[in-house]
Amino acid sequence: MKPPPVLEPPTLPTRGQVLTFLEKQQGWISGEQVAEQLGISRAAVAKHVAALRAAGHGIESASRRGYRLVVKADECTMEAVQARLGASVMGAKAWQYFESLPSTNRQAVIWAMEGAEEGSIVLAEHQTEGRGRKGKQWCSVPRGIQCSIVLRPSFQEEQIPLLTMLATVAVVEATMHCTALVPRIKAPNDVLLDGRKICGVLVETGLRAAEMEWAVMGIGCNVNAVQGDFADELRASAGSLFAAAGEPVSRPALLAHILERVEFWYARVQAGESASLVQQWKELGGR
């Protein structure tokens, strides 16, 4: 008589199955229900949710309510951006991509000094030491855009503020193109939406005899962050496109259009047509 076949234990649902299950729910669902439906323990559900959050998905949890998927992470990589890119220089060439990095600007400065060509991009999912103007900290939140662009401008030192202007203009124009939102510029380097900061710009330059050898344009934008992603001290002043629009915004599409608008205005300034940039900056709120 043959021995009975050895039955393999059922394969536990993967992290992706937990995400798919949460995505199908219309609101909150308890951890107990998730565990029961997927045939796993509540502890396993909690571990999967923690891993999904670490991967960038916005999942809220609350006592006696359970879990709720607010917004999924989307992939923002060179390939995803270039598939939507209309620019021929900005973002069309070399990229460096990092899951986590102290500062994209710091990395881009090193790369620029090593000879990186104009239009090269440093992109990171997360920054641990993001910087703003006058040494202030830029707090990186999930599902945002943290990138720096290497430039080789034929500018004089006194024209450096134009780079910050064109970056803020590019962000506002790209946002209006990709959403129904209308942000405003707050001089010198911020973009606001409904009075909340959604974007900051930091330009750094390398000078020789008052002429720029290189410039690095850093752009940090809160795209699909939820309110719980912000530190307590920032929740009253920081915002995101998702929070304002009520729906996710494609990060690759937004970044592709930002790069296109940077390229457009950069070419105008390089051609000596900075007056049109200044006028647009003023119309979009810059003063």
Protein backbone atom coordinates (compact mmCIF):
# COMPACT_ATOMS: atom_id res chain seq x y z
CA MET A 1 0.00 0.00 0.00
CA LYS A 2 1.38 3.35 -1.08
CA PRO A 3 1.90 6.00 1.57
CA PRO A 4 -0.40 9.00 1.30
CA PRO A 5 1.03 11.88 -0.75
CA VAL A 6 2.82 14.60 1.15
CA LEU A 7 0.80 17.78 0.89
CA GLU A 8 2.71 21.04 0.67
CA PRO A 9 1.43 23.80 2.93
CA PRO A 10 -0.48 26.44 1.01
CA THR A 11 1.62 29.35 -0.20
CA LEU A 12 1.04 32.42 1.89
CA PRO A 13 -0.33 35.43 0.03
CA THR A 14 2.41 37.71 -1.18
CA ARG A 15 2.80 41.36 -0.33
CA GLY A 16 1.28 42.13 -3.71
CA GLN A 17 -1.86 40.15 -2.85
CA VAL A 18 -2.28 42.16 0.35
CA LEU A 19 -1.92 45.37 -1.66
CA THR A 20 -4.45 44.16 -4.25
CA PHE A 21 -6.90 43.21 -1.52
CA LEU A 22 -6.62 46.61 0.17
CA GLU A 23 -7.00 48.33 -3.19
CA LYS A 24 -10.36 46.64 -3.79
CA GLN A 25 -11.83 47.87 -0.51
CA GLN A 26 -14.10 50.90 -0.37
CA GLY A 27 -12.60 52.44 2.75
CA TRP A 28 -11.46 50.87 6.00
CA ILE A 29 -11.08 47.16 6.67
CA SER A 30 -9.95 45.52 9.88
CA GLY A 31 -6.72 43.58 10.15
CA GLU A 32 -8.80 40.62 11.32
CA GLN A 33 -10.86 40.67 8.12
CA VAL A 34 -7.76 40.91 5.95
CA ALA A 35 -6.20 37.97 7.80
CA GLU A 36 -9.35 35.88 7.50
CA GLN A 37 -9.86 36.58 3.82
CA LEU A 38 -6.25 35.83 2.90
CA GLY A 39 -5.71 32.97 5.31
CA ILE A 40 -2.82 34.51 7.22
CA SER A 41 -2.27 35.77 10.74
CA ARG A 42 -2.93 39.34 11.84
CA ALA A 43 0.77 39.64 12.65
CA ALA A 44 1.57 38.70 9.05
CA VAL A 45 -0.89 41.32 7.80
CA ALA A 46 0.84 43.96 9.94
CA LYS A 47 4.26 42.95 8.57
CA HIS A 48 3.02 43.09 4.97
CA VAL A 49 1.47 46.52 5.56
CA ALA A 50 4.72 47.80 7.09
CA ALA A 51 6.66 46.52 4.07
CA LEU A 52 4.17 48.12 1.66
CA ARG A 53 4.52 51.44 3.46
CA ALA A 54 8.30 51.16 3.21
CA ALA A 55 7.86 50.61 -0.53
CA GLY A 56 6.05 53.95 -0.74
CA HIS A 57 2.36 53.04 -0.60
CA GLY A 58 0.17 55.32 1.48
CA ILE A 59 -1.68 53.04 3.92
CA GLU A 60 -3.41 54.53 6.94
CA SER A 61 -4.15 52.57 10.09
CA ALA A 62 -6.42 53.39 13.00
CA SER A 63 -7.51 51.66 16.17
CA ARG A 64 -10.82 49.80 15.77
CA ARG A 65 -10.92 50.68 12.07
CA GLY A 66 -8.01 48.74 10.60
CA TYR A 67 -6.30 49.70 7.36
CA ARG A 68 -7.08 51.89 4.39
CA LEU A 69 -5.08 52.27 1.18
CA VAL A 70 -5.06 55.99 0.40
CA VAL A 71 -2.67 56.13 -2.55
CA LYS A 72 -0.46 53.62 -4.33
CA ALA A 73 3.17 54.29 -5.10
CA ASP A 74 3.98 54.75 -8.76
CA GLU A 75 7.34 54.03 -10.35
CA CYS A 76 9.36 57.16 -11.07
CA THR A 77 12.49 55.96 -12.86
CA MET A 78 14.53 57.10 -15.85
CA GLU A 79 12.64 54.68 -18.10
CA ALA A 80 9.23 55.81 -16.85
CA VAL A 81 10.09 59.50 -17.27
CA GLN A 82 11.82 59.19 -20.64
CA ALA A 83 8.82 57.29 -22.04
CA ARG A 84 6.88 60.55 -21.58
CA LEU A 85 9.68 63.04 -22.22
CA GLY A 86 9.59 65.65 -24.96
CA ALA A 87 12.82 67.41 -23.98
CA SER A 88 15.94 66.81 -26.05
CA VAL A 89 18.54 67.74 -23.41
CA MET A 90 17.07 67.84 -19.89
CA GLY A 91 16.66 64.26 -18.80
CA ALA A 92 17.38 62.87 -22.24
CA LYS A 93 20.92 61.77 -21.41
CA ALA A 94 22.63 60.39 -18.31
CA TRP A 95 20.80 59.60 -15.07
CA GLN A 96 21.76 58.46 -11.60
CA TYR A 97 18.93 56.86 -9.62
CA PHE A 98 18.95 56.06 -5.91
CA GLU A 99 16.37 54.55 -3.58
CA SER A 100 17.81 56.71 -0.80
CA LEU A 101 20.44 59.42 -0.80
CA PRO A 102 21.55 62.12 1.65
CA SER A 103 21.07 64.86 -0.97
CA THR A 104 20.51 64.81 -4.74
CA ASN A 105 22.14 68.24 -5.01
CA ARG A 106 25.26 67.07 -3.20
CA GLN A 107 25.51 64.07 -5.53
CA ALA A 108 24.88 66.22 -8.61
CA VAL A 109 27.56 68.75 -7.56
CA ILE A 110 30.12 65.94 -7.34
CA TRP A 111 29.00 64.62 -10.71
CA ALA A 112 29.15 68.11 -12.27
CA MET A 113 32.69 68.63 -11.00
CA GLU A 114 33.61 65.26 -12.51
CA GLY A 115 32.36 66.43 -15.91
CA ALA A 116 28.71 65.36 -16.14
CA GLU A 117 27.11 66.69 -19.30
CA GLU A 118 24.33 69.23 -19.35
CA GLY A 119 20.92 67.75 -18.73
CA SER A 120 22.17 64.90 -16.52
CA ILE A 121 19.75 63.98 -13.74
CA VAL A 122 20.16 62.72 -10.18
CA LEU A 123 16.88 61.27 -8.91
CA ALA A 124 16.12 59.71 -5.53
CA GLU A 125 13.03 58.22 -3.95
CA HIS A 126 14.08 59.56 -0.58
CA GLN A 127 16.57 62.08 0.82
CA THR A 128 17.88 61.87 4.37
CA GLU A 129 19.65 65.24 4.36
CA GLY A 130 17.70 67.32 1.85
CA ARG A 131 18.62 70.99 1.93
CA GLY A 132 16.84 74.24 1.24
CA ARG A 133 17.85 77.88 0.97
CA LYS A 134 20.15 79.34 3.66
CA GLY A 135 20.96 75.91 5.04
CA LYS A 136 17.37 75.03 5.91
CA GLN A 137 16.29 71.40 5.80
CA TRP A 138 14.02 70.02 3.09
CA CYS A 139 12.01 67.14 4.53
CA SER A 140 11.59 64.40 1.96
CA VAL A 141 8.18 62.69 2.04
CA PRO A 142 7.05 59.51 0.26
CA ARG A 143 5.80 59.51 -3.34
CA GLY A 144 7.41 62.84 -4.14
CA ILE A 145 10.00 64.08 -6.63
CA GLN A 146 13.55 64.68 -5.42
CA CYS A 147 15.80 65.46 -8.36
CA SER A 148 18.75 67.62 -9.39
CA ILE A 149 19.68 68.75 -12.90
CA VAL A 150 23.26 69.44 -14.02
CA LEU A 151 23.56 72.58 -16.17
CA ARG A 152 26.41 74.24 -18.06
CA PRO A 153 25.09 77.81 -18.44
CA SER A 154 26.85 80.66 -20.20
CA PHE A 155 25.71 83.04 -17.47
CA GLN A 156 27.34 85.74 -15.42
CA GLU A 157 27.21 85.59 -11.65
CA GLU A 158 24.49 88.23 -11.41
CA GLN A 159 22.18 86.05 -13.54
CA ILE A 160 22.12 83.15 -11.06
CA PRO A 161 18.68 84.15 -9.64
CA LEU A 162 17.22 83.50 -13.10
CA LEU A 163 17.84 79.77 -12.62
CA THR A 164 15.70 79.71 -9.48
CA MET A 165 13.03 81.72 -11.28
CA LEU A 166 12.87 79.34 -14.23
CA ALA A 167 12.73 76.29 -11.97
CA THR A 168 9.72 77.61 -10.04
CA VAL A 169 8.00 78.68 -13.26
CA ALA A 170 8.61 75.22 -14.74
CA VAL A 171 7.06 73.50 -11.70
CA VAL A 172 3.96 75.69 -11.78
CA GLU A 173 3.48 75.27 -15.53
CA ALA A 174 4.00 71.50 -15.34
CA THR A 175 1.51 71.22 -12.49
CA MET A 176 -1.11 73.17 -14.42
CA HIS A 177 -0.48 70.96 -17.45
CA CYS A 178 -0.85 67.69 -15.52
CA THR A 179 -3.66 68.72 -13.15
CA ALA A 180 -6.45 71.26 -12.75
CA LEU A 181 -4.50 72.90 -9.93
CA VAL A 182 -3.07 76.44 -10.09
CA PRO A 183 -0.08 76.84 -7.73
CA ARG A 184 1.57 80.17 -7.03
CA ILE A 185 5.22 81.12 -6.70
CA LYS A 186 6.47 82.51 -3.42
CA ALA A 187 9.77 84.29 -3.96
CA PRO A 188 12.48 83.42 -4.04
CA ASN A 189 12.33 79.62 -4.30
CA ASP A 190 9.01 78.13 -3.17
CA VAL A 191 5.81 77.01 -4.85
CA LEU A 192 2.58 77.13 -2.82
CA LEU A 193 -0.85 75.62 -3.28
CA ASP A 194 -3.73 76.83 -1.13
CA GLY A 195 -1.14 78.54 1.05
CA ARG A 196 0.81 75.33 1.69
CA LYS A 197 4.31 74.66 0.42
CA ILE A 198 4.43 71.91 -2.19
CA CYS A 199 7.82 72.57 -3.77
CA GLY A 200 11.21 74.06 -3.00
CA VAL A 201 14.12 74.85 -5.31
CA LEU A 202 17.83 75.04 -4.49
CA VAL A 203 20.35 76.21 -7.11
CA GLU A 204 24.08 75.79 -6.48
CA THR A 205 26.85 76.95 -8.79
CA GLY A 206 30.53 76.57 -9.46
CA LEU A 207 32.16 79.86 -10.48
CA ARG A 208 35.46 80.80 -12.07
CA ALA A 209 36.21 84.49 -12.65
CA ALA A 210 32.52 85.38 -12.12
CA GLU A 211 31.45 82.92 -14.84
CA MET A 212 29.62 79.69 -14.14
CA GLU A 213 31.40 76.45 -14.90
CA TRP A 214 28.40 74.45 -13.77
CA ALA A 215 25.10 74.81 -11.99
CA VAL A 216 22.94 72.29 -10.19
CA MET A 217 19.19 72.87 -10.01
CA GLY A 218 17.55 70.90 -7.20
CA ILE A 219 13.78 70.45 -7.19
CA GLY A 220 11.83 68.86 -4.35
CA CYS A 221 8.10 68.46 -4.92
CA ASN A 222 5.42 66.88 -2.72
CA VAL A 223 3.35 64.95 -5.24
CA ASN A 224 1.31 62.12 -3.74
CA ALA A 225 2.03 62.59 -0.04
CA VAL A 226 -0.83 62.22 2.45
CA GLN A 227 -1.09 64.39 5.54
CA GLY A 228 0.23 61.63 7.78
CA ASP A 229 3.48 61.56 5.80
CA PHE A 230 4.51 64.97 7.15
CA ALA A 231 6.18 65.55 10.48
CA ASP A 232 3.84 67.05 13.09
CA GLU A 233 5.52 70.45 12.92
CA LEU A 234 4.98 70.66 9.13
CA ARG A 235 1.36 69.56 8.82
CA ALA A 236 0.00 73.09 9.06
CA SER A 237 2.31 74.51 6.37
CA ALA A 238 3.14 71.66 3.96
CA GLY A 239 0.86 70.25 1.28
CA SER A 240 0.88 67.98 -1.73
CA LEU A 241 -0.72 67.79 -5.16
CA PHE A 242 -2.62 64.67 -4.09
CA ALA A 243 -4.08 66.40 -1.04
CA ALA A 244 -5.23 69.35 -3.16
CA ALA A 245 -6.45 67.39 -6.19
CA GLY A 246 -8.06 64.53 -4.28
CA GLU A 247 -6.53 62.00 -6.65
CA PRO A 248 -3.04 60.68 -7.46
CA VAL A 249 -0.81 62.56 -9.90
CA SER A 250 1.57 60.64 -12.18
CA ARG A 251 5.08 61.42 -10.97
CA PRO A 252 6.79 60.36 -14.24
CA ALA A 253 4.43 62.55 -16.28
CA LEU A 254 4.91 65.51 -13.95
CA LEU A 255 8.70 65.21 -13.88
CA ALA A 256 8.83 64.81 -17.67
CA HIS A 257 6.88 68.04 -18.11
CA ILE A 258 8.97 69.87 -15.51
CA LEU A 259 12.09 68.94 -17.49
CA GLU A 260 10.47 70.11 -20.72
CA ARG A 261 9.58 73.50 -19.23
CA VAL A 262 13.05 73.85 -17.67
CA GLU A 263 14.52 73.22 -21.12
CA PHE A 264 12.18 75.75 -22.75
CA TRP A 265 12.92 78.60 -20.34
CA TYR A 266 16.61 77.77 -20.05
CA ALA A 267 16.97 78.10 -23.83
CA ARG A 268 15.17 81.47 -23.75
CA VAL A 269 17.47 82.82 -21.04
CA GLN A 270 20.56 81.47 -22.79
CA ALA A 271 19.41 83.33 -25.90
CA GLY A 272 19.22 86.60 -23.95
CA GLU A 273 15.42 86.59 -23.63
CA SER A 274 15.20 86.65 -19.84
CA ALA A 275 12.57 89.41 -19.82
CA SER A 276 9.87 86.95 -20.90
CA LEU A 277 10.82 84.61 -18.05
CA VAL A 278 10.67 87.42 -15.48
CA GLN A 279 7.25 88.44 -16.80
CA GLN A 280 5.91 84.89 -16.53
CA TRP A 281 7.39 84.55 -13.04
CA LYS A 282 5.56 87.70 -11.94
CA GLU A 283 2.28 86.53 -13.48
CA LEU A 284 2.54 83.27 -11.57
CA GLY A 285 2.93 85.08 -8.25
CA GLY A 286 6.62 85.86 -8.02
CA ARG A 287 7.43 89.28 -6.61
